[in-house]
């Protein structure tokens, strides 16, 4: 294998003009290969040693080779490389050091400057990419609303690509970080076992807002091979809360949900099942139902009305009148 082919093999079949010169490829040979349509020009100074439609791996390599030796993939392109999103975006974002000379424009590539390079660059991954923690925090900082912040943090932790401790340490090292307070709350939730945005809404708007006891979340049960995970379990009071509900499952999985609920019932426990609509739209009503079943299981705590007219307050008042 020629040196240039060996180099290209480690870069999804692409090389830069500078690498070609270092490998001894002359301009006349380059021009002849392009003219014969055996090689292909992708960006200014970036070439592929074959022709045809670009793959996603070739697109990201073409972007970093075009941007220069110090460039790394970041933001949504890094999100894709880390497996946090299924599709590579139409525009590949590449980070270069602050003050780095900007190359000529390239179609489908966006350049951002960063003062954190090279410390945010992963030491071994190829193509060059920001670390998982820096990728998550870049996306957090760029988010315009809370929802994408919650989504990316929970996905990264749920897939065990990082931990709350590592994310917190990376966030502490940044002077500027949008949504810092939300991130801090999210990391506390993740340490408590929250793994989805819906679970977080349940914890915040149902459990904590109404003074319910702390449930145990996403703990595996049963033997290996038949292990099950309950969203929220109040073991002491024999209550299980399943989130997502039937609306989140295809029709063919309804029987599986029924069997799972029946298993809980056979052990003398009760199951409440809620979807996004009820958890986010009627959290007080959800809490009131949970309070009634917790009471049936022996819970003696004091529920809290989150606002005037909250049905949890009506439930508590009814209990006081009944006791008197």
Protein backbone atom coordinates (compact mmCIF):
# COMPACT_ATOMS: atom_id res chain seq x y z
CA UNK A 1 0.00 0.00 0.00
CA UNK A 2 1.30 3.43 -0.88
CA UNK A 3 1.86 5.85 2.02
CA UNK A 4 -1.03 8.07 0.90
CA UNK A 5 -3.42 5.08 0.76
CA UNK A 6 -2.30 3.90 4.16
CA UNK A 7 -2.90 7.38 5.59
CA UNK A 8 -6.32 7.63 3.93
CA UNK A 9 -7.34 4.23 5.31
CA UNK A 10 -7.24 5.68 8.82
CA UNK A 11 -9.28 8.73 7.78
CA UNK A 12 -12.27 7.12 6.05
CA UNK A 13 -10.46 7.34 2.72
CA UNK A 14 -9.78 11.10 2.82
CA UNK A 15 -6.59 13.15 2.92
CA UNK A 16 -5.70 16.82 2.94
CA UNK A 17 -3.51 18.57 0.39
CA UNK A 18 -0.81 19.05 3.04
CA UNK A 19 -0.83 15.32 3.81
CA UNK A 20 -0.52 14.51 0.12
CA UNK A 21 2.53 16.72 -0.18
CA UNK A 22 4.10 15.06 2.88
CA UNK A 23 3.43 11.63 1.35
CA UNK A 24 5.17 12.64 -1.88
CA UNK A 25 2.10 12.98 -4.10
CA UNK A 26 2.81 15.52 -6.85
CA UNK A 27 0.30 18.06 -8.11
CA UNK A 28 0.45 16.53 -11.58
CA UNK A 29 -0.55 13.12 -10.18
CA UNK A 30 -3.35 14.69 -8.14
CA UNK A 31 -4.70 16.49 -11.20
CA UNK A 32 -4.51 13.34 -13.33
CA UNK A 33 -6.38 11.26 -10.72
CA UNK A 34 -9.08 13.92 -10.44
CA UNK A 35 -9.37 14.20 -14.21
CA UNK A 36 -9.72 10.43 -14.50
CA UNK A 37 -12.40 10.55 -11.78
CA UNK A 38 -10.57 8.04 -9.63
CA UNK A 39 -10.20 10.61 -6.83
CA UNK A 40 -12.68 13.26 -5.77
CA UNK A 41 -12.33 16.80 -4.40
CA UNK A 42 -14.63 17.25 -1.38
CA UNK A 43 -13.62 20.66 -0.02
CA UNK A 44 -10.82 23.05 -0.88
CA UNK A 45 -7.66 21.08 -0.05
CA UNK A 46 -9.54 17.88 0.93
CA UNK A 47 -9.65 14.84 -1.35
CA UNK A 48 -11.13 11.34 -1.32
CA UNK A 49 -9.31 8.44 -2.94
CA UNK A 50 -12.50 7.15 -4.57
CA UNK A 51 -15.72 8.59 -5.97
CA UNK A 52 -19.42 8.28 -5.23
CA UNK A 53 -21.81 9.58 -2.54
CA UNK A 54 -20.24 10.53 0.78
CA UNK A 55 -20.90 8.44 3.87
CA UNK A 56 -21.45 10.12 7.25
CA UNK A 57 -17.98 9.10 8.44
CA UNK A 58 -16.48 10.63 5.31
CA UNK A 59 -18.42 13.84 5.87
CA UNK A 60 -17.05 14.36 9.39
CA UNK A 61 -13.52 13.51 8.34
CA UNK A 62 -13.78 15.92 5.41
CA UNK A 63 -14.90 18.68 7.80
CA UNK A 64 -12.01 18.33 10.26
CA UNK A 65 -9.39 17.90 7.51
CA UNK A 66 -10.66 21.06 5.84
CA UNK A 67 -10.64 23.07 9.10
CA UNK A 68 -7.01 22.24 9.95
CA UNK A 69 -4.82 20.21 12.28
CA UNK A 70 -6.19 21.77 15.48
CA UNK A 71 -9.86 21.26 14.56
CA UNK A 72 -12.20 18.92 16.43
CA UNK A 73 -15.80 17.93 15.84
CA UNK A 74 -18.19 19.47 18.35
CA UNK A 75 -21.84 20.20 19.19
CA UNK A 76 -24.34 18.14 17.15
CA UNK A 77 -21.62 16.42 15.10
CA UNK A 78 -19.91 15.27 18.29
CA UNK A 79 -23.31 14.30 19.69
CA UNK A 80 -23.71 11.97 16.72
CA UNK A 81 -20.21 10.52 17.08
CA UNK A 82 -20.86 9.74 20.76
CA UNK A 83 -24.08 7.92 19.88
CA UNK A 84 -26.35 10.50 21.50
CA UNK A 85 -28.33 11.17 18.34
CA UNK A 86 -29.23 8.81 15.48
CA UNK A 87 -28.50 11.07 12.52
CA UNK A 88 -25.62 13.28 11.49
CA UNK A 89 -26.90 16.85 10.94
CA UNK A 90 -26.79 18.42 7.51
CA UNK A 91 -24.20 20.94 8.75
CA UNK A 92 -21.15 19.51 10.55
CA UNK A 93 -19.89 21.78 13.34
CA UNK A 94 -16.14 21.96 13.89
CA UNK A 95 -14.33 23.76 16.70
CA UNK A 96 -10.98 25.53 16.25
CA UNK A 97 -8.86 27.43 18.80
CA UNK A 98 -9.85 31.03 19.46
CA UNK A 99 -8.07 33.32 17.01
CA UNK A 100 -7.32 30.46 14.59
CA UNK A 101 -7.28 31.63 10.94
CA UNK A 102 -10.62 30.85 9.37
CA UNK A 103 -10.36 28.79 6.17
CA UNK A 104 -12.44 29.54 3.10
CA UNK A 105 -16.11 28.56 3.36
CA UNK A 106 -17.07 24.94 2.78
CA UNK A 107 -20.54 23.63 2.03
CA UNK A 108 -22.09 21.78 4.97
CA UNK A 109 -19.45 22.83 7.53
CA UNK A 110 -19.75 25.37 10.34
CA UNK A 111 -16.74 26.71 12.24
CA UNK A 112 -16.88 27.83 15.88
CA UNK A 113 -13.96 29.18 17.90
CA UNK A 114 -13.26 27.92 21.40
CA UNK A 115 -10.95 29.05 24.19
CA UNK A 116 -11.10 25.57 25.74
CA UNK A 117 -9.14 23.79 23.02
CA UNK A 118 -7.07 21.68 23.21
CA UNK A 119 -8.20 20.72 26.77
CA UNK A 120 -11.70 19.83 25.56
CA UNK A 121 -10.36 17.54 22.82
CA UNK A 122 -10.60 13.82 23.50
CA UNK A 123 -7.04 12.46 23.71
CA UNK A 124 -7.59 9.35 21.58
CA UNK A 125 -10.84 9.36 19.60
CA UNK A 126 -10.68 9.59 15.82
CA UNK A 127 -11.86 11.60 14.06
CA UNK A 128 -10.91 14.31 16.58
CA UNK A 129 -13.89 15.18 18.78
CA UNK A 130 -14.66 17.00 22.01
CA UNK A 131 -14.90 14.85 25.13
CA UNK A 132 -18.29 13.47 26.05
CA UNK A 133 -18.64 15.90 28.95
CA UNK A 134 -17.65 18.91 26.86
CA UNK A 135 -20.02 17.80 24.11
CA UNK A 136 -22.93 17.64 26.56
CA UNK A 137 -22.06 21.01 28.10
CA UNK A 138 -21.66 22.66 24.68
CA UNK A 139 -25.17 21.50 23.80
CA UNK A 140 -26.49 22.65 27.18
CA UNK A 141 -24.97 26.10 26.69
CA UNK A 142 -26.40 26.37 23.17
CA UNK A 143 -29.94 25.30 24.16
CA UNK A 144 -32.67 27.95 23.97
CA UNK A 145 -35.19 26.16 26.19
CA UNK A 146 -35.10 23.78 29.14
CA UNK A 147 -36.33 20.71 27.26
CA UNK A 148 -33.19 19.99 25.17
CA UNK A 149 -31.04 20.55 28.27
CA UNK A 150 -32.98 17.92 30.20
CA UNK A 151 -32.97 15.56 27.24
CA UNK A 152 -29.23 15.57 26.51
CA UNK A 153 -28.15 15.29 30.15
CA UNK A 154 -30.50 12.40 30.91
CA UNK A 155 -29.61 10.58 27.68
CA UNK A 156 -25.88 10.82 28.35
CA UNK A 157 -26.26 9.50 31.90
CA UNK A 158 -28.87 6.87 31.02
CA UNK A 159 -26.54 5.39 28.39
CA UNK A 160 -23.76 5.35 31.02
CA UNK A 161 -21.49 7.44 28.79
CA UNK A 162 -20.74 9.73 31.72
CA UNK A 163 -21.69 10.27 35.35
CA UNK A 164 -23.21 13.18 37.31
CA UNK A 165 -19.88 13.65 39.10
CA UNK A 166 -17.91 14.00 35.86
CA UNK A 167 -20.45 16.38 34.36
CA UNK A 168 -20.47 18.48 37.53
CA UNK A 169 -16.67 18.68 37.51
CA UNK A 170 -16.61 19.72 33.85
CA UNK A 171 -19.31 22.35 34.49
CA UNK A 172 -17.38 23.76 37.46
CA UNK A 173 -14.38 24.33 35.17
CA UNK A 174 -16.40 26.63 32.88
CA UNK A 175 -16.69 30.31 33.68
CA UNK A 176 -19.71 30.76 31.43
CA UNK A 177 -22.44 28.16 31.21
CA UNK A 178 -26.08 28.85 30.42
CA UNK A 179 -28.62 26.79 32.41
CA UNK A 180 -26.12 26.14 35.22
CA UNK A 181 -28.81 26.03 37.92
CA UNK A 182 -30.97 23.65 35.88
CA UNK A 183 -27.95 21.43 35.23
CA UNK A 184 -27.18 21.30 38.95
CA UNK A 185 -30.76 20.21 39.71
CA UNK A 186 -30.68 17.65 36.91
CA UNK A 187 -27.51 16.02 38.21
CA UNK A 188 -29.09 15.68 41.66
CA UNK A 189 -32.10 13.99 40.03
CA UNK A 190 -29.86 11.59 38.10
CA UNK A 191 -28.06 10.62 41.31
CA UNK A 192 -31.52 9.84 42.74
CA UNK A 193 -32.18 7.44 39.86
CA UNK A 194 -34.12 9.65 37.44
CA UNK A 195 -33.39 8.61 33.85
CA UNK A 196 -36.07 10.23 31.64
CA UNK A 197 -37.62 13.69 31.32
CA UNK A 198 -41.01 12.27 32.31
CA UNK A 199 -39.56 10.80 35.50
CA UNK A 200 -38.08 14.17 36.33
CA UNK A 201 -41.45 15.87 35.90
CA UNK A 202 -43.02 13.28 38.20
CA UNK A 203 -40.35 13.82 40.86
CA UNK A 204 -40.58 17.62 40.67
CA UNK A 205 -44.30 18.23 40.05
CA UNK A 206 -45.88 15.26 41.78
CA UNK A 207 -43.62 13.81 44.44
CA UNK A 208 -41.69 16.80 45.81
CA UNK A 209 -44.34 19.45 45.16
CA UNK A 210 -46.89 17.51 47.23
CA UNK A 211 -44.75 16.15 50.05
CA UNK A 212 -44.89 12.49 49.00
CA UNK A 213 -42.22 10.11 50.31
CA UNK A 214 -39.16 9.52 48.15
CA UNK A 215 -39.64 6.56 45.85
CA UNK A 216 -36.95 4.15 44.72
CA UNK A 217 -36.33 4.56 40.98
CA UNK A 218 -35.23 2.20 38.23
CA UNK A 219 -33.92 -0.51 40.50
CA UNK A 220 -33.63 -3.92 38.89
CA UNK A 221 -35.66 -6.78 40.32
CA UNK A 222 -35.75 -10.50 39.64
CA UNK A 223 -33.24 -13.08 38.41
CA UNK A 224 -30.81 -12.53 35.56
CA UNK A 225 -32.53 -12.85 32.19
CA UNK A 226 -35.92 -11.91 33.65
CA UNK A 227 -34.87 -8.72 35.34
CA UNK A 228 -37.48 -5.93 35.47
CA UNK A 229 -37.15 -2.25 36.24
CA UNK A 230 -39.87 -0.29 38.02
CA UNK A 231 -40.03 3.45 37.36
CA UNK A 232 -40.97 4.36 40.95
CA UNK A 233 -41.52 1.99 43.85
CA UNK A 234 -42.75 2.92 47.31
CA UNK A 235 -41.84 -0.46 48.74
CA UNK A 236 -42.76 0.19 52.35
CA UNK A 237 -46.30 1.20 51.33
CA UNK A 238 -46.72 -1.44 48.58
CA UNK A 239 -47.20 0.99 45.70
CA UNK A 240 -45.61 1.01 42.24
CA UNK A 241 -45.88 3.95 39.80
CA UNK A 242 -45.19 3.20 36.13
CA UNK A 243 -44.55 6.18 33.86
CA UNK A 244 -45.08 6.38 30.06
CA UNK A 245 -48.17 4.19 30.31
CA UNK A 246 -50.09 2.58 27.50
CA UNK A 247 -49.98 5.70 25.32
CA UNK A 248 -46.21 5.29 25.02
CA UNK A 249 -46.32 1.60 24.06
CA UNK A 250 -47.41 -0.04 20.82
CA UNK A 251 -50.62 -2.04 20.84
CA UNK A 252 -48.84 -5.40 20.97
CA UNK A 253 -47.12 -4.53 24.26
CA UNK A 254 -50.31 -3.86 26.18
CA UNK A 255 -50.61 -7.48 27.28
CA UNK A 256 -47.05 -7.34 28.60
CA UNK A 257 -47.98 -4.29 30.67
CA UNK A 258 -51.05 -6.09 31.99
CA UNK A 259 -48.99 -9.12 33.01
CA UNK A 260 -46.46 -6.89 34.74
CA UNK A 261 -49.20 -5.08 36.66
CA UNK A 262 -50.78 -8.40 37.60
CA UNK A 263 -47.48 -9.66 38.99
CA UNK A 264 -47.37 -6.62 41.25
CA UNK A 265 -50.98 -7.20 42.34
CA UNK A 266 -50.27 -10.84 43.18
CA UNK A 267 -47.63 -9.65 45.66
CA UNK A 268 -50.19 -7.45 47.37
CA UNK A 269 -48.96 -4.24 45.74
CA UNK A 270 -50.88 -1.71 43.68
CA UNK A 271 -49.84 -0.08 40.39
CA UNK A 272 -50.58 3.43 39.16
CA UNK A 273 -49.76 4.08 35.51
CA UNK A 274 -49.38 7.58 34.05
CA UNK A 275 -48.50 9.07 30.66
CA UNK A 276 -47.01 12.43 29.71
CA UNK A 277 -50.47 13.97 29.45
CA UNK A 278 -51.55 13.19 33.00
CA UNK A 279 -48.16 13.69 34.67
CA UNK A 280 -47.53 17.10 33.13
CA UNK A 281 -51.11 18.31 32.75
CA UNK A 282 -52.69 17.05 35.98
CA UNK A 283 -49.87 16.58 38.52
CA UNK A 284 -52.11 17.48 41.48
CA UNK A 285 -54.69 14.85 40.54
CA UNK A 286 -51.89 12.29 40.08
CA UNK A 287 -50.51 13.18 43.52
CA UNK A 288 -53.98 12.89 45.11
CA UNK A 289 -54.37 9.36 43.72
CA UNK A 290 -50.91 8.41 44.94
CA UNK A 291 -51.69 9.79 48.40
CA UNK A 292 -54.83 7.65 48.67
CA UNK A 293 -52.99 4.45 47.81
CA UNK A 294 -50.01 5.36 50.02
CA UNK A 295 -52.47 5.86 52.87
CA UNK A 296 -54.00 2.46 52.12
CA UNK A 297 -50.51 1.01 52.45
CA UNK A 298 -49.94 2.64 55.84
CA UNK A 299 -48.16 5.90 55.01
CA UNK A 300 -48.69 8.41 57.83
CA UNK A 301 -46.91 11.40 56.35
CA UNK A 302 -48.50 14.77 55.68
CA UNK A 303 -49.18 15.62 52.03
CA UNK A 304 -48.82 19.23 50.88
CA UNK A 305 -51.16 21.28 48.70
CA UNK A 306 -48.98 22.96 46.07
CA UNK A 307 -51.50 25.77 45.44
CA UNK A 308 -54.96 26.93 46.48
CA UNK A 309 -57.52 24.44 45.25
CA UNK A 310 -54.99 21.60 44.90
CA UNK A 311 -56.89 18.31 45.37
CA UNK A 312 -54.12 17.01 47.61
CA UNK A 313 -55.14 19.67 50.13
CA UNK A 314 -58.76 18.51 49.90
CA UNK A 315 -57.62 14.94 50.53
CA UNK A 316 -55.67 16.02 53.61
CA UNK A 317 -58.67 18.02 54.92
CA UNK A 318 -60.96 15.04 54.46
CA UNK A 319 -58.53 12.87 56.42
CA UNK A 320 -58.44 15.37 59.30
CA UNK A 321 -62.25 15.56 59.43
CA UNK A 322 -62.51 11.77 59.34
CA UNK A 323 -60.02 11.44 62.19
CA UNK A 324 -61.92 13.96 64.34
